[in-house]
Amino acid sequence: MTAALRPVATFLLLLLCAVLLAGCGARSWHKGGVRGTRPYTVRGKTYYPLKSAKGFVEEGTASWYGPGFHGKTTANGETYNQYAMTAAHKLLPLGTRVRVTHMGNGRSIIVRINDRGPFVDDRVIDLSRAAANRLNILGPGTARVRIQSLGGVATMQENGDMTGPFYVQVGAFASRENADNLIHILSQSGKSGRLIFGSNSMWNVQVGPWPDSFGAQQQLELFRALYPGAFVVGDN
């Protein structure tokens, strides 16, 4: 390299370093800087995401994140939308659908994991603003929840909703006869439903289906007037 070109090369090298450093500084701590299930390190701690979400169940404290991250990039490369039904988890594979149940008020929602976090020791999941609102934890900020994997990767619509089918579970019975009686009552009122013998060793009565999670959530509010313990389930 000639002496005349050395200053130019040095300038370009310094410019490249500045761009890279700026990118690292702008990266959200919530994102974790990774995609998929590769190990990643945040605040000096390395996390090893699960390869599969099958059978995953967890209880702990849920929190939520919203305005400060709205419009930023999530761990899977999407733009974070605080009004979509999504959440951040440290270990679950990105794209996993989970049912989150508020253990205090019994409310239940389905969200899709598209981000990493929360990186606070006593918290297990960070919900979007919309998800937190449906669980009624916007004000308190946190709540004790139960997380259960639905065992599948959700398909996302342009409006942030998840495609189904989805059902509203209105009852679970040890007796098949009792479950059949409820199915009969529902059919007389014009509601279609199904009977599933589930992993809870119970006969589960589920109404539906609806093509997306939003439609099922809307119906859930109506069913809770008669069945307070009702919740939305995906078609596993």
Protein backbone atom coordinates (compact mmCIF):
# COMPACT_ATOMS: atom_id res chain seq x y z
CA MET A 1 0.00 0.00 0.00
CA THR A 2 1.33 3.41 -0.93
CA ALA A 3 1.84 6.14 1.66
CA ALA A 4 -0.88 8.20 -0.01
CA LEU A 5 -3.50 5.46 0.49
CA ARG A 6 -2.69 4.65 4.13
CA PRO A 7 -4.66 7.62 5.62
CA VAL A 8 -7.73 6.63 3.57
CA ALA A 9 -7.54 2.99 4.67
CA THR A 10 -7.11 4.01 8.29
CA PHE A 11 -10.15 6.30 8.09
CA LEU A 12 -12.33 3.56 6.60
CA LEU A 13 -11.23 1.10 9.28
CA LEU A 14 -12.06 3.57 12.06
CA LEU A 15 -15.44 4.29 10.45
CA LEU A 16 -16.26 0.56 10.31
CA CYS A 17 -15.37 0.12 13.99
CA ALA A 18 -17.56 3.07 14.95
CA VAL A 19 -20.55 1.62 13.09
CA LEU A 20 -20.13 -1.78 14.76
CA LEU A 21 -19.81 -0.25 18.22
CA ALA A 22 -22.85 1.92 17.65
CA GLY A 23 -24.87 -1.14 16.69
CA CYS A 24 -23.85 -2.94 19.86
CA GLY A 25 -24.74 0.05 22.00
CA ALA A 26 -28.18 0.37 20.45
CA ARG A 27 -29.04 -3.29 20.92
CA SER A 28 -31.81 -3.78 23.45
CA TRP A 29 -30.79 -5.71 26.58
CA HIS A 30 -34.18 -7.35 26.31
CA LYS A 31 -33.36 -8.85 22.95
CA GLY A 32 -30.35 -10.81 24.14
CA GLY A 33 -28.73 -10.47 20.73
CA VAL A 34 -29.61 -13.97 19.50
CA ARG A 35 -32.21 -15.91 17.59
CA GLY A 36 -33.44 -19.45 17.88
CA THR A 37 -32.04 -21.74 20.54
CA ARG A 38 -28.37 -20.84 20.53
CA PRO A 39 -26.81 -20.04 23.92
CA TYR A 40 -26.56 -16.34 24.68
CA THR A 41 -25.11 -14.18 27.43
CA VAL A 42 -26.77 -11.22 29.13
CA ARG A 43 -25.27 -9.31 32.07
CA GLY A 44 -22.53 -11.87 32.45
CA LYS A 45 -24.88 -14.87 32.65
CA THR A 46 -25.15 -17.46 29.87
CA TYR A 47 -28.54 -18.96 29.02
CA TYR A 48 -29.08 -22.23 27.16
CA PRO A 49 -32.52 -22.25 25.46
CA LEU A 50 -34.48 -25.48 25.31
CA LYS A 51 -34.47 -27.44 22.06
CA SER A 52 -38.10 -28.43 22.57
CA ALA A 53 -41.04 -27.01 24.52
CA LYS A 54 -42.88 -30.32 24.74
CA GLY A 55 -44.38 -30.86 28.17
CA PHE A 56 -43.04 -27.56 29.53
CA VAL A 57 -44.79 -26.32 32.69
CA GLU A 58 -43.55 -23.53 34.96
CA GLU A 59 -44.85 -21.41 37.81
CA GLY A 60 -43.44 -18.05 38.86
CA THR A 61 -43.80 -14.30 38.63
CA ALA A 62 -44.90 -12.63 35.38
CA SER A 63 -44.19 -9.01 34.54
CA TRP A 64 -44.87 -6.95 31.43
CA TYR A 65 -43.03 -4.57 29.12
CA GLY A 66 -44.46 -2.03 26.74
CA PRO A 67 -43.81 1.60 25.73
CA GLY A 68 -40.03 1.57 26.19
CA PHE A 69 -39.65 -1.37 23.78
CA HIS A 70 -42.54 -0.75 21.36
CA GLY A 71 -41.13 -0.64 17.82
CA LYS A 72 -37.78 -2.19 18.72
CA THR A 73 -36.47 -5.47 17.36
CA THR A 74 -37.27 -8.67 19.26
CA ALA A 75 -35.02 -11.71 19.60
CA ASN A 76 -36.53 -13.41 16.54
CA GLY A 77 -36.12 -10.31 14.36
CA GLU A 78 -39.71 -9.06 14.50
CA THR A 79 -40.69 -5.53 15.44
CA TYR A 80 -42.07 -5.55 18.98
CA ASN A 81 -45.75 -4.64 19.13
CA GLN A 82 -46.99 -4.09 22.68
CA TYR A 83 -50.58 -4.58 21.47
CA ALA A 84 -49.97 -8.10 20.11
CA MET A 85 -50.35 -11.28 22.18
CA THR A 86 -46.67 -12.08 22.62
CA ALA A 87 -44.18 -12.56 25.44
CA ALA A 88 -40.50 -12.90 26.29
CA HIS A 89 -39.01 -15.98 27.93
CA LYS A 90 -35.40 -16.83 28.70
CA LEU A 91 -35.42 -20.49 27.63
CA LEU A 92 -38.43 -21.49 25.54
CA PRO A 93 -37.83 -21.88 21.79
CA LEU A 94 -38.85 -18.77 19.88
CA GLY A 95 -42.27 -19.23 18.30
CA THR A 96 -43.60 -21.44 21.11
CA ARG A 97 -47.23 -20.93 22.07
CA VAL A 98 -47.93 -21.02 25.80
CA ARG A 99 -50.98 -20.69 27.98
CA VAL A 100 -50.41 -18.28 30.86
CA THR A 101 -52.83 -18.53 33.79
CA HIS A 102 -53.07 -15.90 36.52
CA MET A 103 -53.07 -17.97 39.70
CA GLY A 104 -54.80 -15.21 41.64
CA ASN A 105 -57.84 -14.47 39.48
CA GLY A 106 -57.98 -17.55 37.25
CA ARG A 107 -57.73 -15.61 33.98
CA SER A 108 -55.94 -17.39 31.16
CA ILE A 109 -54.44 -16.28 27.83
CA ILE A 110 -52.40 -17.71 24.98
CA VAL A 111 -49.26 -15.90 23.84
CA ARG A 112 -46.43 -16.55 21.42
CA ILE A 113 -42.81 -16.34 22.56
CA ASN A 114 -40.92 -13.97 20.24
CA ASP A 115 -38.39 -12.34 22.59
CA ARG A 116 -35.83 -13.07 25.31
CA GLY A 117 -36.19 -11.99 28.94
CA PRO A 118 -37.06 -11.02 31.59
CA PHE A 119 -33.52 -10.90 32.96
CA VAL A 120 -34.61 -10.50 36.58
CA ASP A 121 -34.00 -13.49 38.84
CA ASP A 122 -37.48 -13.80 40.33
CA ARG A 123 -39.46 -13.45 37.08
CA VAL A 124 -40.24 -16.15 34.55
CA ILE A 125 -42.04 -14.37 31.70
CA ASP A 126 -42.44 -10.83 30.34
CA LEU A 127 -45.85 -10.25 28.76
CA SER A 128 -46.79 -7.68 26.16
CA ARG A 129 -49.01 -4.84 27.31
CA ALA A 130 -52.04 -6.42 25.62
CA ALA A 131 -51.43 -9.79 27.28
CA ALA A 132 -50.91 -8.18 30.69
CA ASN A 133 -54.11 -6.21 30.28
CA ARG A 134 -56.13 -9.35 29.62
CA LEU A 135 -54.70 -10.94 32.77
CA ASN A 136 -55.45 -7.73 34.70
CA ILE A 137 -51.86 -7.13 35.86
CA LEU A 138 -51.15 -3.76 34.23
CA GLY A 139 -51.69 -1.93 37.51
CA PRO A 140 -49.94 -4.32 39.92
CA GLY A 141 -47.13 -4.86 37.42
CA THR A 142 -46.54 -8.49 38.36
CA ALA A 143 -48.53 -11.61 39.20
CA ARG A 144 -48.02 -15.24 40.08
CA VAL A 145 -48.72 -17.33 36.95
CA ARG A 146 -48.59 -20.83 35.57
CA ILE A 147 -47.05 -21.31 32.11
CA GLN A 148 -47.91 -24.36 30.01
CA SER A 149 -46.55 -25.03 26.54
CA LEU A 150 -49.13 -25.82 23.89
CA GLY A 151 -46.49 -27.77 22.02
CA GLY A 152 -46.56 -25.92 18.74
CA VAL A 153 -45.14 -22.97 16.86
CA ALA A 154 -47.80 -20.38 16.11
CA THR A 155 -48.54 -18.79 12.76
CA MET A 156 -48.68 -15.00 12.97
CA GLN A 157 -51.14 -12.78 11.14
CA GLU A 158 -50.32 -9.27 10.00
CA ASN A 159 -52.33 -7.76 12.87
CA GLY A 160 -50.31 -9.65 15.48
CA ASP A 161 -53.00 -12.27 16.15
CA MET A 162 -52.40 -16.04 16.09
CA THR A 163 -54.17 -18.40 13.70
CA GLY A 164 -56.05 -21.31 15.17
CA PRO A 165 -58.09 -23.25 15.57
CA PHE A 166 -58.78 -22.23 19.18
CA TYR A 167 -61.39 -23.45 21.66
CA VAL A 168 -62.81 -22.25 24.98
CA GLN A 169 -62.66 -24.94 27.64
CA VAL A 170 -65.69 -24.62 29.91
CA GLY A 171 -65.43 -27.72 32.05
CA ALA A 172 -63.42 -30.80 33.02
CA PHE A 173 -64.99 -33.90 34.51
CA ALA A 174 -63.82 -37.21 35.93
CA SER A 175 -67.13 -38.67 34.76
CA ARG A 176 -67.77 -39.06 31.04
CA GLU A 177 -71.51 -38.90 31.71
CA ASN A 178 -71.23 -35.44 33.32
CA ALA A 179 -69.16 -34.20 30.41
CA ASP A 180 -71.72 -35.55 27.92
CA ASN A 181 -74.49 -33.76 29.83
CA LEU A 182 -72.68 -30.43 29.46
CA ILE A 183 -72.13 -31.05 25.74
CA HIS A 184 -75.88 -31.66 25.44
CA ILE A 185 -76.70 -28.42 27.28
CA LEU A 186 -74.35 -26.49 25.02
CA SER A 187 -75.80 -28.00 21.86
CA GLN A 188 -79.32 -27.06 22.97
CA SER A 189 -78.17 -23.44 23.24
CA GLY A 190 -76.74 -23.55 19.73
CA LYS A 191 -73.10 -23.96 20.74
CA SER A 192 -70.89 -26.55 19.06
CA GLY A 193 -68.30 -28.31 21.15
CA ARG A 194 -66.08 -31.32 21.52
CA LEU A 195 -65.06 -33.76 24.22
CA ILE A 196 -61.34 -34.43 24.78
CA PHE A 197 -59.82 -36.86 27.28
CA GLY A 198 -56.71 -34.89 28.18
CA SER A 199 -53.39 -35.24 29.95
CA ASN A 200 -55.17 -34.10 33.13
CA SER A 201 -56.97 -37.50 33.08
CA MET A 202 -60.27 -35.65 32.79
CA TRP A 203 -62.99 -35.31 30.17
CA ASN A 204 -62.56 -31.77 28.90
CA VAL A 205 -65.52 -29.95 27.34
CA GLN A 206 -64.40 -27.37 24.79
CA VAL A 207 -66.54 -24.99 22.71
CA GLY A 208 -65.53 -23.84 19.24
CA PRO A 209 -63.53 -23.74 17.14
CA TRP A 210 -62.58 -20.16 16.26
CA PRO A 211 -60.02 -19.44 13.52
CA ASP A 212 -57.86 -17.13 15.63
CA SER A 213 -56.99 -16.38 19.24
CA PHE A 214 -58.73 -12.99 19.19
CA GLY A 215 -62.11 -14.52 18.36
CA ALA A 216 -61.72 -17.14 21.08
CA GLN A 217 -60.71 -14.52 23.64
CA GLN A 218 -63.80 -12.46 22.82
CA GLN A 219 -66.05 -15.47 23.37
CA LEU A 220 -64.20 -16.32 26.57
CA GLU A 221 -65.53 -13.18 28.26
CA LEU A 222 -69.10 -14.31 27.48
CA PHE A 223 -68.61 -17.86 28.70
CA ARG A 224 -67.05 -16.77 31.98
CA ALA A 225 -70.42 -15.42 33.12
CA LEU A 226 -71.63 -19.04 33.32
CA TYR A 227 -68.30 -20.86 33.65
CA PRO A 228 -65.89 -18.73 35.76
CA GLY A 229 -62.99 -21.12 35.24
CA ALA A 230 -63.17 -21.09 31.42
CA PHE A 231 -60.00 -20.51 29.42
CA VAL A 232 -58.74 -20.58 25.82
CA VAL A 233 -56.88 -23.60 24.44
CA GLY A 234 -55.15 -24.23 21.16
CA ASP A 235 -55.72 -27.29 18.98
CA ASN A 236 -52.59 -29.33 19.89
